[in-house]
């Protein structure tokens, strides 16, 4: 049986560097996108560990408030609105469309698995021209928690009607891959610039520099 492929969306498929001009406009050189997104991930994980019920929009906004405060700047309504709007118009990374097209043409079932609300994720994927590749978009809001909570991956596996052992989670986040592998999935880490595998986590099934290489590895393993 060929595996079902679950794809993380933000940073894994969509290029957050497109937010750079938005941050530059409102914060100059003081804050970069990566600092904010690192704080988003930290806040999301804290929510999971402590059992807080927080959606991804709340997490993103609170992380931005923290980073702005850290730099002794002000978060205006205009800046918040502009950055939120920018998240909905992110382009795909250069390697994404061709890799997804190849996997789709080979008959793999694929779904997006995201911390974003379904409506937002669909808007993102439509804008990026990727929605056609996915059987469905699965959001953590359906489980009322956030990745890397094990319930998210188990829910996605159940929704796709597949066993964990026959599922890949593909992401540019070592923590996301580790979360899926902890429930028995296979994991593929896209080592985009600045991304590293976690040495204390189980080694991902696939580690590759881009999604094209990940797709090739999957095709070789599951011809």
N, C-alpha and C. Protein backbone atom coordinates (compact mmCIF):
# COMPACT_ATOMS: atom_id res chain seq x y z
N UNK A 1 0.83 -1.20 0.00
CA UNK A 1 0.00 0.00 0.00
C UNK A 1 0.87 1.25 0.00
N UNK A 2 0.55 2.18 -0.89
CA UNK A 2 1.28 3.45 -0.90
C UNK A 2 0.82 4.33 0.26
N UNK A 3 1.75 5.08 0.85
CA UNK A 3 1.36 5.90 2.00
C UNK A 3 0.52 7.11 1.60
N UNK A 4 -0.28 7.56 2.55
CA UNK A 4 -0.96 8.84 2.44
C UNK A 4 0.02 9.91 2.89
N UNK A 5 0.02 11.05 2.20
CA UNK A 5 0.97 12.12 2.48
C UNK A 5 0.26 13.31 3.11
N UNK A 6 0.67 13.67 4.31
CA UNK A 6 0.15 14.84 5.01
C UNK A 6 1.20 15.93 4.98
N UNK A 7 0.82 17.12 4.56
CA UNK A 7 1.76 18.22 4.40
C UNK A 7 1.45 19.36 5.36
N UNK A 8 2.46 19.78 6.11
CA UNK A 8 2.36 21.05 6.82
C UNK A 8 2.32 22.17 5.78
N UNK A 9 1.74 23.31 6.15
CA UNK A 9 1.53 24.38 5.17
C UNK A 9 2.52 25.54 5.34
N UNK A 10 2.43 26.26 6.46
CA UNK A 10 3.23 27.48 6.62
C UNK A 10 4.71 27.16 6.80
N UNK A 11 5.52 27.72 5.96
CA UNK A 11 6.97 27.54 5.89
C UNK A 11 7.36 26.26 5.17
N UNK A 12 6.58 25.20 5.31
CA UNK A 12 6.89 23.96 4.61
C UNK A 12 6.54 24.06 3.13
N UNK A 13 5.32 24.53 2.83
CA UNK A 13 4.90 24.74 1.45
C UNK A 13 4.95 26.21 1.04
N UNK A 14 4.56 27.09 1.96
CA UNK A 14 4.44 28.52 1.65
C UNK A 14 5.63 29.28 2.22
N UNK A 15 6.08 30.26 1.47
CA UNK A 15 7.32 30.99 1.78
C UNK A 15 7.04 32.21 2.65
N UNK A 16 7.40 32.10 3.93
CA UNK A 16 7.16 33.19 4.87
C UNK A 16 8.02 34.42 4.59
N UNK A 17 9.03 34.27 3.76
CA UNK A 17 9.88 35.43 3.44
C UNK A 17 9.10 36.52 2.72
N UNK A 18 7.94 36.16 2.19
CA UNK A 18 7.10 37.18 1.54
C UNK A 18 6.56 38.20 2.54
N UNK A 19 6.65 37.88 3.83
CA UNK A 19 6.23 38.83 4.85
C UNK A 19 7.31 39.86 5.17
N UNK A 20 8.51 39.66 4.67
CA UNK A 20 9.61 40.58 4.99
C UNK A 20 9.26 42.05 4.73
N UNK A 21 8.68 42.39 3.57
CA UNK A 21 8.35 43.81 3.32
C UNK A 21 7.33 44.36 4.31
N UNK A 22 6.41 43.52 4.76
CA UNK A 22 5.40 43.96 5.74
C UNK A 22 6.08 44.31 7.07
N UNK A 23 6.98 43.44 7.51
CA UNK A 23 7.70 43.70 8.75
C UNK A 23 8.59 44.93 8.61
N UNK A 24 9.23 45.05 7.45
CA UNK A 24 10.10 46.20 7.20
C UNK A 24 9.32 47.50 7.27
N UNK A 25 8.12 47.51 6.70
CA UNK A 25 7.29 48.71 6.69
C UNK A 25 6.94 49.17 8.10
N UNK A 26 6.58 48.22 8.96
CA UNK A 26 6.07 48.58 10.28
C UNK A 26 7.12 48.60 11.38
N UNK A 27 8.21 47.83 11.20
CA UNK A 27 9.18 47.71 12.28
C UNK A 27 10.61 48.02 11.86
N UNK A 28 10.80 48.45 10.62
CA UNK A 28 12.15 48.72 10.15
C UNK A 28 13.00 47.47 10.17
N UNK A 29 14.22 47.59 10.66
CA UNK A 29 15.13 46.45 10.73
C UNK A 29 15.12 45.79 12.10
N UNK A 30 14.21 46.23 12.98
CA UNK A 30 14.24 45.76 14.36
C UNK A 30 13.75 44.32 14.51
N UNK A 31 12.76 43.93 13.72
CA UNK A 31 12.15 42.61 13.86
C UNK A 31 12.15 41.91 12.51
N UNK A 32 12.58 40.65 12.51
CA UNK A 32 12.53 39.87 11.28
C UNK A 32 11.46 38.79 11.43
N UNK A 33 10.99 38.29 10.31
CA UNK A 33 9.89 37.34 10.31
C UNK A 33 10.23 36.08 11.11
N UNK A 34 11.47 35.61 10.98
CA UNK A 34 11.85 34.37 11.66
C UNK A 34 11.75 34.50 13.18
N UNK A 35 12.06 35.68 13.72
CA UNK A 35 11.94 35.86 15.17
C UNK A 35 10.49 35.72 15.60
N UNK A 36 9.60 36.34 14.83
CA UNK A 36 8.17 36.23 15.15
C UNK A 36 7.69 34.80 15.04
N UNK A 37 8.05 34.10 13.95
CA UNK A 37 7.52 32.75 13.76
C UNK A 37 8.10 31.79 14.78
N UNK A 38 9.34 31.99 15.20
CA UNK A 38 9.90 31.17 16.28
C UNK A 38 9.08 31.35 17.55
N UNK A 39 8.65 32.59 17.82
CA UNK A 39 7.84 32.85 19.00
C UNK A 39 6.44 32.23 18.85
N UNK A 40 5.93 32.21 17.62
CA UNK A 40 4.65 31.54 17.35
C UNK A 40 4.75 30.06 17.74
N UNK A 41 5.81 29.41 17.29
CA UNK A 41 5.98 27.99 17.57
C UNK A 41 6.13 27.75 19.08
N UNK A 42 6.92 28.57 19.73
CA UNK A 42 7.11 28.43 21.17
C UNK A 42 5.78 28.58 21.91
N UNK A 43 4.99 29.56 21.51
CA UNK A 43 3.71 29.80 22.16
C UNK A 43 2.73 28.66 21.89
N UNK A 44 2.75 28.14 20.66
CA UNK A 44 1.88 27.01 20.33
C UNK A 44 2.23 25.79 21.18
N UNK A 45 3.52 25.53 21.33
CA UNK A 45 3.93 24.37 22.13
C UNK A 45 3.57 24.56 23.60
N UNK A 46 3.71 25.78 24.10
CA UNK A 46 3.33 26.06 25.48
C UNK A 46 1.84 25.80 25.67
N UNK A 47 1.04 26.18 24.68
CA UNK A 47 -0.40 25.96 24.75
C UNK A 47 -0.71 24.47 24.82
N UNK A 48 0.02 23.68 24.04
CA UNK A 48 -0.20 22.23 24.06
C UNK A 48 0.19 21.63 25.40
N UNK A 49 1.37 22.01 25.89
CA UNK A 49 1.88 21.44 27.15
C UNK A 49 0.97 21.78 28.32
N UNK A 50 0.46 23.02 28.35
CA UNK A 50 -0.35 23.46 29.48
C UNK A 50 -1.84 23.23 29.28
N UNK A 51 -2.20 22.72 28.10
CA UNK A 51 -3.60 22.42 27.85
C UNK A 51 -4.48 23.64 27.62
N UNK A 52 -3.86 24.73 27.20
CA UNK A 52 -4.65 25.92 26.89
C UNK A 52 -5.42 25.70 25.59
N UNK A 53 -6.65 26.20 25.56
CA UNK A 53 -7.41 26.16 24.32
C UNK A 53 -7.22 27.49 23.61
N UNK A 54 -6.34 27.49 22.64
CA UNK A 54 -6.02 28.70 21.89
C UNK A 54 -5.99 28.35 20.40
N UNK A 55 -6.59 29.21 19.58
CA UNK A 55 -6.49 28.96 18.14
C UNK A 55 -5.22 29.61 17.61
N UNK A 56 -4.90 29.30 16.36
CA UNK A 56 -3.62 29.73 15.80
C UNK A 56 -3.58 31.24 15.59
N UNK A 57 -4.73 31.84 15.34
CA UNK A 57 -4.77 33.30 15.19
C UNK A 57 -4.39 33.98 16.51
N UNK A 58 -4.91 33.46 17.61
CA UNK A 58 -4.56 34.01 18.93
C UNK A 58 -3.08 33.83 19.21
N UNK A 59 -2.56 32.66 18.87
CA UNK A 59 -1.15 32.38 19.09
C UNK A 59 -0.28 33.33 18.28
N UNK A 60 -0.63 33.51 17.01
CA UNK A 60 0.15 34.40 16.15
C UNK A 60 0.14 35.83 16.63
N UNK A 61 -1.04 36.28 17.05
CA UNK A 61 -1.15 37.66 17.53
C UNK A 61 -0.39 37.87 18.83
N UNK A 62 -0.52 36.93 19.76
CA UNK A 62 0.18 37.08 21.05
C UNK A 62 1.68 37.02 20.85
N UNK A 63 2.14 36.16 19.93
CA UNK A 63 3.58 36.08 19.64
C UNK A 63 4.08 37.39 19.07
N UNK A 64 3.29 38.00 18.20
CA UNK A 64 3.70 39.28 17.62
C UNK A 64 3.75 40.36 18.69
N UNK A 65 2.79 40.36 19.58
CA UNK A 65 2.79 41.33 20.68
C UNK A 65 4.02 41.16 21.56
N UNK A 66 4.41 39.92 21.82
CA UNK A 66 5.59 39.66 22.64
C UNK A 66 6.86 40.18 21.98
N UNK A 67 7.00 39.88 20.68
CA UNK A 67 8.21 40.29 19.96
C UNK A 67 8.28 41.81 19.87
N UNK A 68 7.16 42.44 19.57
CA UNK A 68 7.13 43.91 19.48
C UNK A 68 7.49 44.54 20.83
N UNK A 69 6.92 44.00 21.90
CA UNK A 69 7.22 44.52 23.24
C UNK A 69 8.69 44.32 23.58
N UNK A 70 9.23 43.18 23.19
CA UNK A 70 10.64 42.87 23.45
C UNK A 70 11.55 43.93 22.83
N UNK A 71 11.13 44.45 21.68
CA UNK A 71 11.93 45.46 21.00
C UNK A 71 11.50 46.88 21.33
N UNK A 72 10.61 46.99 22.33
CA UNK A 72 10.14 48.30 22.81
C UNK A 72 9.51 49.11 21.67
N UNK A 73 8.72 48.41 20.87
CA UNK A 73 8.00 49.05 19.78
C UNK A 73 6.50 48.95 20.06
N UNK A 74 5.70 49.50 19.16
CA UNK A 74 4.25 49.48 19.32
C UNK A 74 3.61 48.67 18.20
N UNK A 75 2.66 47.81 18.57
CA UNK A 75 1.91 47.05 17.59
C UNK A 75 0.60 47.78 17.30
N UNK A 76 0.53 48.40 16.16
CA UNK A 76 -0.68 49.14 15.79
C UNK A 76 -1.68 48.19 15.12
N UNK A 77 -2.93 48.63 15.07
CA UNK A 77 -3.95 47.85 14.39
C UNK A 77 -3.61 47.70 12.91
N UNK A 78 -3.02 48.74 12.34
CA UNK A 78 -2.67 48.70 10.91
C UNK A 78 -1.59 47.64 10.66
N UNK A 79 -0.60 47.57 11.54
CA UNK A 79 0.47 46.58 11.37
C UNK A 79 -0.08 45.17 11.52
N UNK A 80 -0.92 44.97 12.52
CA UNK A 80 -1.50 43.64 12.75
C UNK A 80 -2.34 43.21 11.55
N UNK A 81 -3.17 44.10 11.07
CA UNK A 81 -4.03 43.80 9.93
C UNK A 81 -3.21 43.49 8.68
N UNK A 82 -2.14 44.26 8.47
CA UNK A 82 -1.30 44.07 7.29
C UNK A 82 -0.59 42.73 7.33
N UNK A 83 -0.07 42.34 8.48
CA UNK A 83 0.65 41.08 8.60
C UNK A 83 -0.30 39.89 8.50
N UNK A 84 -1.46 40.00 9.12
CA UNK A 84 -2.47 38.94 8.99
C UNK A 84 -2.88 38.78 7.53
N UNK A 85 -3.08 39.89 6.84
CA UNK A 85 -3.41 39.83 5.43
C UNK A 85 -2.30 39.22 4.61
N UNK A 86 -1.06 39.54 4.97
CA UNK A 86 0.09 38.98 4.26
C UNK A 86 0.19 37.48 4.40
N UNK A 87 -0.24 36.94 5.54
CA UNK A 87 -0.21 35.49 5.74
C UNK A 87 -1.13 34.77 4.76
N UNK A 88 -2.14 35.47 4.27
CA UNK A 88 -3.10 34.84 3.35
C UNK A 88 -2.65 34.90 1.89
N UNK A 89 -1.56 35.61 1.65
CA UNK A 89 -1.09 35.77 0.26
C UNK A 89 0.37 35.36 0.12
N UNK A 90 0.74 34.28 0.79
CA UNK A 90 2.10 33.77 0.69
C UNK A 90 2.27 32.94 -0.57
N UNK A 91 3.37 33.10 -1.28
CA UNK A 91 3.62 32.26 -2.46
C UNK A 91 4.19 30.92 -2.03
N UNK A 92 4.10 29.91 -2.89
CA UNK A 92 4.76 28.64 -2.58
C UNK A 92 6.27 28.76 -2.77
N UNK A 93 7.02 27.95 -2.06
CA UNK A 93 8.45 27.84 -2.34
C UNK A 93 8.62 27.33 -3.78
N UNK A 94 9.76 27.64 -4.37
CA UNK A 94 9.98 27.33 -5.78
C UNK A 94 9.87 25.84 -6.12
N UNK A 95 10.16 24.97 -5.15
CA UNK A 95 10.18 23.54 -5.42
C UNK A 95 8.82 22.86 -5.23
N UNK A 96 7.83 23.59 -4.73
CA UNK A 96 6.61 22.95 -4.24
C UNK A 96 5.69 22.48 -5.36
N UNK A 97 5.38 23.33 -6.31
CA UNK A 97 4.37 22.98 -7.32
C UNK A 97 4.78 21.74 -8.10
N UNK A 98 6.00 21.71 -8.59
CA UNK A 98 6.44 20.57 -9.39
C UNK A 98 6.47 19.28 -8.57
N UNK A 99 6.91 19.38 -7.31
CA UNK A 99 6.96 18.19 -6.45
C UNK A 99 5.56 17.65 -6.19
N UNK A 100 4.62 18.54 -5.88
CA UNK A 100 3.25 18.10 -5.63
C UNK A 100 2.61 17.54 -6.91
N UNK A 101 2.90 18.17 -8.03
CA UNK A 101 2.36 17.68 -9.30
C UNK A 101 2.86 16.27 -9.60
N UNK A 102 4.14 16.03 -9.34
CA UNK A 102 4.71 14.70 -9.57
C UNK A 102 4.05 13.66 -8.68
N UNK A 103 3.92 13.96 -7.40
CA UNK A 103 3.31 13.01 -6.47
C UNK A 103 1.84 12.76 -6.81
N UNK A 104 1.14 13.81 -7.18
CA UNK A 104 -0.27 13.68 -7.55
C UNK A 104 -0.41 12.81 -8.80
N UNK A 105 0.44 13.04 -9.78
CA UNK A 105 0.37 12.28 -11.03
C UNK A 105 0.68 10.81 -10.82
N UNK A 106 1.45 10.51 -9.76
CA UNK A 106 1.79 9.12 -9.44
C UNK A 106 0.71 8.45 -8.59
N UNK A 107 -0.35 9.19 -8.28
CA UNK A 107 -1.49 8.59 -7.61
C UNK A 107 -1.48 8.63 -6.09
N UNK A 108 -0.57 9.39 -5.49
CA UNK A 108 -0.55 9.49 -4.03
C UNK A 108 -1.73 10.31 -3.53
N UNK A 109 -2.34 9.86 -2.46
CA UNK A 109 -3.36 10.66 -1.77
C UNK A 109 -2.64 11.68 -0.89
N UNK A 110 -3.07 12.93 -0.97
CA UNK A 110 -2.38 14.00 -0.24
C UNK A 110 -3.40 14.90 0.46
N UNK A 111 -3.03 15.35 1.65
CA UNK A 111 -3.86 16.29 2.40
C UNK A 111 -2.97 17.31 3.09
N UNK A 112 -3.49 18.50 3.29
CA UNK A 112 -2.79 19.51 4.08
C UNK A 112 -3.20 19.34 5.54
N UNK A 113 -2.24 19.43 6.44
CA UNK A 113 -2.49 19.34 7.88
C UNK A 113 -1.87 20.56 8.54
N UNK A 114 -2.70 21.46 9.04
CA UNK A 114 -2.20 22.77 9.43
C UNK A 114 -2.73 23.24 10.77
N UNK A 115 -1.96 24.10 11.42
CA UNK A 115 -2.41 24.77 12.63
C UNK A 115 -3.39 25.90 12.32
N UNK A 116 -3.43 26.35 11.09
CA UNK A 116 -4.33 27.43 10.70
C UNK A 116 -5.77 26.94 10.65
N UNK A 117 -6.76 27.83 10.83
CA UNK A 117 -8.16 27.44 10.62
C UNK A 117 -8.36 26.98 9.18
N UNK A 118 -9.34 26.11 8.97
CA UNK A 118 -9.59 25.56 7.64
C UNK A 118 -9.82 26.66 6.62
N UNK A 119 -10.65 27.65 6.97
CA UNK A 119 -10.97 28.72 6.01
C UNK A 119 -9.72 29.49 5.60
N UNK A 120 -8.85 29.77 6.56
CA UNK A 120 -7.62 30.51 6.26
C UNK A 120 -6.68 29.66 5.41
N UNK A 121 -6.52 28.39 5.79
CA UNK A 121 -5.63 27.51 5.04
C UNK A 121 -6.10 27.33 3.60
N UNK A 122 -7.40 27.19 3.41
CA UNK A 122 -7.92 27.05 2.05
C UNK A 122 -7.66 28.33 1.25
N UNK A 123 -7.85 29.48 1.89
CA UNK A 123 -7.58 30.75 1.21
C UNK A 123 -6.11 30.84 0.82
N UNK A 124 -5.23 30.42 1.72
CA UNK A 124 -3.80 30.42 1.43
C UNK A 124 -3.47 29.51 0.25
N UNK A 125 -4.01 28.31 0.27
CA UNK A 125 -3.68 27.32 -0.75
C UNK A 125 -4.29 27.68 -2.11
N UNK A 126 -5.46 28.32 -2.10
CA UNK A 126 -6.04 28.80 -3.35
C UNK A 126 -5.16 29.89 -3.94
N UNK A 127 -4.76 30.85 -3.11
CA UNK A 127 -3.90 31.94 -3.59
C UNK A 127 -2.60 31.40 -4.16
N UNK A 128 -2.03 30.41 -3.49
CA UNK A 128 -0.73 29.86 -3.91
C UNK A 128 -0.85 28.89 -5.08
N UNK A 129 -2.08 28.57 -5.49
CA UNK A 129 -2.28 27.65 -6.60
C UNK A 129 -2.02 26.20 -6.25
N UNK A 130 -2.23 25.83 -4.98
CA UNK A 130 -1.91 24.48 -4.52
C UNK A 130 -3.13 23.66 -4.14
N UNK A 131 -4.29 24.27 -4.02
CA UNK A 131 -5.45 23.59 -3.47
C UNK A 131 -5.82 22.34 -4.28
N UNK A 132 -5.57 22.37 -5.57
CA UNK A 132 -5.96 21.26 -6.46
C UNK A 132 -5.23 19.96 -6.14
N UNK A 133 -4.10 20.06 -5.45
CA UNK A 133 -3.31 18.86 -5.19
C UNK A 133 -3.83 18.06 -4.00
N UNK A 134 -4.68 18.66 -3.18
CA UNK A 134 -5.04 18.04 -1.91
C UNK A 134 -6.46 17.50 -1.89
N UNK A 135 -6.56 16.31 -1.36
CA UNK A 135 -7.87 15.66 -1.19
C UNK A 135 -8.71 16.43 -0.19
N UNK A 136 -8.07 16.95 0.84
CA UNK A 136 -8.77 17.72 1.86
C UNK A 136 -7.77 18.59 2.62
N UNK A 137 -8.30 19.54 3.36
CA UNK A 137 -7.49 20.37 4.25
C UNK A 137 -7.94 20.06 5.68
N UNK A 138 -7.02 19.61 6.50
CA UNK A 138 -7.33 19.23 7.88
C UNK A 138 -6.71 20.25 8.82
N UNK A 139 -7.51 20.77 9.71
CA UNK A 139 -7.04 21.81 10.64
C UNK A 139 -7.10 21.31 12.08
N UNK A 140 -6.21 21.84 12.89
CA UNK A 140 -6.22 21.52 14.31
C UNK A 140 -7.50 21.99 14.99
N UNK A 141 -8.22 22.94 14.39
CA UNK A 141 -9.44 23.44 15.00
C UNK A 141 -10.49 22.33 15.11
N UNK A 142 -10.34 21.28 14.31
CA UNK A 142 -11.26 20.16 14.36
C UNK A 142 -11.04 19.31 15.61
N UNK A 143 -9.90 19.50 16.27
CA UNK A 143 -9.56 18.76 17.48
C UNK A 143 -9.45 19.68 18.69
N UNK A 144 -9.48 20.99 18.44
CA UNK A 144 -9.43 22.00 19.49
C UNK A 144 -8.12 21.96 20.27
N UNK A 145 -7.02 21.80 19.52
CA UNK A 145 -5.69 21.88 20.10
C UNK A 145 -4.75 22.35 19.00
N UNK A 146 -3.46 22.18 19.18
CA UNK A 146 -2.49 22.60 18.17
C UNK A 146 -1.45 21.49 17.98
N UNK A 147 -0.82 21.47 16.82
CA UNK A 147 0.35 20.59 16.67
C UNK A 147 1.45 21.11 17.58
N UNK A 148 2.25 20.23 18.20
CA UNK A 148 2.40 18.80 17.94
C UNK A 148 1.62 17.88 18.88
N UNK A 149 0.44 18.30 19.34
CA UNK A 149 -0.39 17.43 20.16
C UNK A 149 -0.67 16.14 19.38
N UNK A 150 -0.48 15.00 20.03
CA UNK A 150 -0.68 13.70 19.38
C UNK A 150 -2.10 13.56 18.82
N UNK A 151 -3.07 14.23 19.46
CA UNK A 151 -4.46 14.11 19.00
C UNK A 151 -4.64 14.63 17.58
N UNK A 152 -3.83 15.60 17.19
CA UNK A 152 -3.94 16.16 15.84
C UNK A 152 -3.59 15.11 14.80
N UNK A 153 -2.47 14.45 14.98
CA UNK A 153 -2.01 13.46 14.01
C UNK A 153 -2.94 12.24 13.99
N UNK A 154 -3.40 11.82 15.16
CA UNK A 154 -4.32 10.68 15.22
C UNK A 154 -5.63 11.02 14.53
N UNK A 155 -6.10 12.24 14.71
CA UNK A 155 -7.33 12.67 14.06
C UNK A 155 -7.16 12.67 12.54
N UNK A 156 -6.04 13.21 12.06
CA UNK A 156 -5.79 13.28 10.62
C UNK A 156 -5.71 11.88 10.02
N UNK A 157 -5.04 10.97 10.71
CA UNK A 157 -4.94 9.59 10.25
C UNK A 157 -6.32 8.96 10.12
N UNK A 158 -7.14 9.18 11.15
CA UNK A 158 -8.49 8.64 11.12
C UNK A 158 -9.33 9.25 10.01
N UNK A 159 -9.19 10.54 9.81
CA UNK A 159 -9.97 11.21 8.77
C UNK A 159 -9.60 10.71 7.38
N UNK A 160 -8.34 10.36 7.20
CA UNK A 160 -7.90 9.83 5.91
C UNK A 160 -8.13 8.33 5.79
N UNK A 161 -8.62 7.72 6.88
CA UNK A 161 -8.94 6.28 6.90
C UNK A 161 -7.72 5.44 6.54
N UNK A 162 -6.65 5.68 7.26
CA UNK A 162 -5.38 5.01 6.99
C UNK A 162 -4.71 4.70 8.32
N UNK A 163 -3.79 3.75 8.32
CA UNK A 163 -3.02 3.46 9.52
C UNK A 163 -1.84 4.42 9.64
N UNK A 164 -1.38 4.65 10.86
CA UNK A 164 -0.24 5.55 11.08
C UNK A 164 0.98 5.08 10.30
N UNK A 165 1.21 3.78 10.27
CA UNK A 165 2.40 3.24 9.60
C UNK A 165 2.37 3.48 8.10
N UNK A 166 1.20 3.80 7.58
CA UNK A 166 1.05 4.05 6.14
C UNK A 166 0.86 5.54 5.86
N UNK A 167 1.38 6.37 6.74
CA UNK A 167 1.20 7.82 6.63
C UNK A 167 2.53 8.53 6.75
N UNK A 168 2.74 9.51 5.89
CA UNK A 168 3.89 10.40 5.99
C UNK A 168 3.42 11.77 6.47
N UNK A 169 4.16 12.37 7.39
CA UNK A 169 4.00 13.79 7.69
C UNK A 169 5.23 14.49 7.11
N UNK A 170 4.98 15.45 6.23
CA UNK A 170 6.05 16.14 5.52
C UNK A 170 6.05 17.60 5.94
N UNK A 171 7.17 18.07 6.49
CA UNK A 171 7.21 19.42 7.03
C UNK A 171 8.63 19.94 7.08
N UNK A 172 8.74 21.26 7.19
CA UNK A 172 10.05 21.91 7.38
C UNK A 172 10.28 22.23 8.85
N UNK A 173 9.59 21.47 9.72
CA UNK A 173 9.72 21.68 11.16
C UNK A 173 10.06 20.34 11.82
N UNK A 174 11.21 20.28 12.47
CA UNK A 174 11.62 19.04 13.12
C UNK A 174 10.62 18.63 14.20
N UNK A 175 10.05 19.60 14.91
CA UNK A 175 9.10 19.28 15.99
C UNK A 175 7.81 18.67 15.42
N UNK A 176 7.39 19.13 14.25
CA UNK A 176 6.17 18.60 13.62
C UNK A 176 6.40 17.16 13.17
N UNK A 177 7.53 16.93 12.54
CA UNK A 177 7.88 15.58 12.10
C UNK A 177 7.98 14.65 13.31
N UNK A 178 8.61 15.11 14.37
CA UNK A 178 8.75 14.28 15.58
C UNK A 178 7.39 13.98 16.20
N UNK A 179 6.49 14.96 16.18
CA UNK A 179 5.16 14.75 16.73
C UNK A 179 4.42 13.66 15.99
N UNK A 180 4.51 13.66 14.67
CA UNK A 180 3.83 12.64 13.88
C UNK A 180 4.47 11.27 14.07
N UNK A 181 5.79 11.23 14.11
CA UNK A 181 6.49 9.96 14.28
C UNK A 181 6.21 9.34 15.65
N UNK A 182 5.91 10.18 16.63
CA UNK A 182 5.62 9.68 17.97
C UNK A 182 4.33 8.86 18.02
N UNK A 183 3.45 9.06 17.04
CA UNK A 183 2.22 8.27 17.01
C UNK A 183 2.30 7.16 15.95
N UNK A 184 3.50 6.95 15.39
CA UNK A 184 3.71 5.84 14.49
C UNK A 184 3.77 6.16 13.02
N UNK A 185 3.70 7.45 12.67
CA UNK A 185 3.80 7.84 11.27
C UNK A 185 5.26 7.83 10.80
N UNK A 186 5.43 7.82 9.49
CA UNK A 186 6.73 8.13 8.92
C UNK A 186 6.85 9.65 8.83
N UNK A 187 8.08 10.14 8.77
CA UNK A 187 8.28 11.58 8.74
C UNK A 187 9.32 12.00 7.72
N UNK A 188 9.03 13.09 7.02
CA UNK A 188 9.98 13.64 6.06
C UNK A 188 10.27 15.09 6.43
N UNK A 189 11.52 15.39 6.69
CA UNK A 189 11.93 16.73 7.06
C UNK A 189 12.52 17.44 5.85
N UNK A 190 11.91 18.59 5.51
CA UNK A 190 12.45 19.44 4.44
C UNK A 190 13.44 20.40 5.09
N UNK A 191 14.71 20.23 4.80
CA UNK A 191 15.72 21.07 5.45
C UNK A 191 15.92 22.37 4.66
N UNK A 192 14.90 23.21 4.72
CA UNK A 192 15.04 24.52 4.09
C UNK A 192 16.10 25.33 4.85
N UNK A 193 16.47 26.46 4.29
CA UNK A 193 17.51 27.29 4.91
C UNK A 193 17.16 27.58 6.36
N UNK A 194 18.10 27.29 7.25
CA UNK A 194 17.89 27.55 8.67
C UNK A 194 17.21 26.42 9.42
N UNK A 195 16.85 25.34 8.73
CA UNK A 195 16.16 24.21 9.36
C UNK A 195 17.17 23.10 9.67
N UNK A 196 17.04 22.52 10.85
CA UNK A 196 17.94 21.42 11.24
C UNK A 196 17.13 20.33 11.91
N UNK A 197 17.60 19.10 11.77
CA UNK A 197 16.98 17.98 12.47
C UNK A 197 17.30 18.07 13.96
N UNK A 198 16.40 17.57 14.79
CA UNK A 198 16.62 17.57 16.24
C UNK A 198 17.38 16.29 16.61
N UNK A 199 18.58 16.42 17.15
CA UNK A 199 19.40 15.22 17.41
C UNK A 199 18.87 14.32 18.50
N UNK A 200 17.96 14.80 19.36
CA UNK A 200 17.43 13.92 20.41
C UNK A 200 16.11 13.28 20.00
N UNK A 201 15.58 13.66 18.84
CA UNK A 201 14.36 13.05 18.33
C UNK A 201 14.70 11.86 17.44
N UNK A 202 13.76 10.95 17.23
CA UNK A 202 14.00 9.86 16.28
C UNK A 202 14.36 10.42 14.91
N UNK A 203 15.27 9.78 14.23
CA UNK A 203 15.70 10.25 12.92
C UNK A 203 14.53 10.18 11.94
N UNK A 204 14.23 11.26 11.23
CA UNK A 204 13.14 11.20 10.24
C UNK A 204 13.38 10.12 9.20
N UNK A 205 12.31 9.59 8.66
CA UNK A 205 12.40 8.58 7.62
C UNK A 205 13.14 9.13 6.41
N UNK A 206 12.86 10.40 6.10
CA UNK A 206 13.52 11.10 4.99
C UNK A 206 13.98 12.46 5.48
N UNK A 207 15.19 12.83 5.14
CA UNK A 207 15.69 14.19 5.34
C UNK A 207 16.26 14.64 4.00
N UNK A 208 15.74 15.76 3.49
CA UNK A 208 16.20 16.23 2.18
C UNK A 208 16.16 17.75 2.15
N UNK A 209 16.92 18.33 1.24
CA UNK A 209 17.09 19.78 1.20
C UNK A 209 15.88 20.52 0.65
N UNK A 210 15.04 19.83 -0.10
CA UNK A 210 13.88 20.49 -0.69
C UNK A 210 12.78 19.46 -0.93
N UNK A 211 11.60 19.96 -1.32
CA UNK A 211 10.47 19.06 -1.50
C UNK A 211 10.63 18.17 -2.73
N UNK A 212 11.34 18.65 -3.73
CA UNK A 212 11.63 17.83 -4.91
C UNK A 212 12.37 16.56 -4.52
N UNK A 213 13.38 16.73 -3.66
CA UNK A 213 14.17 15.58 -3.21
C UNK A 213 13.34 14.66 -2.31
N UNK A 214 12.48 15.25 -1.47
CA UNK A 214 11.59 14.44 -0.64
C UNK A 214 10.70 13.58 -1.52
N UNK A 215 10.11 14.22 -2.54
CA UNK A 215 9.22 13.49 -3.45
C UNK A 215 9.95 12.35 -4.14
N UNK A 216 11.17 12.59 -4.57
CA UNK A 216 11.95 11.54 -5.23
C UNK A 216 12.21 10.37 -4.30
N UNK A 217 12.53 10.67 -3.04
CA UNK A 217 12.76 9.60 -2.06
C UNK A 217 11.49 8.77 -1.84
N UNK A 218 10.35 9.45 -1.75
CA UNK A 218 9.09 8.74 -1.56
C UNK A 218 8.80 7.85 -2.76
N UNK A 219 9.04 8.34 -3.95
CA UNK A 219 8.81 7.54 -5.16
C UNK A 219 9.73 6.32 -5.20
N UNK A 220 10.96 6.49 -4.75
CA UNK A 220 11.90 5.37 -4.75
C UNK A 220 11.51 4.31 -3.71
N UNK A 221 11.01 4.77 -2.58
CA UNK A 221 10.63 3.85 -1.51
C UNK A 221 9.29 3.17 -1.78
N UNK A 222 8.44 3.85 -2.54
CA UNK A 222 7.08 3.35 -2.79
C UNK A 222 6.74 3.44 -4.27
N UNK A 223 7.44 2.66 -5.12
CA UNK A 223 7.24 2.74 -6.57
C UNK A 223 5.85 2.24 -6.99
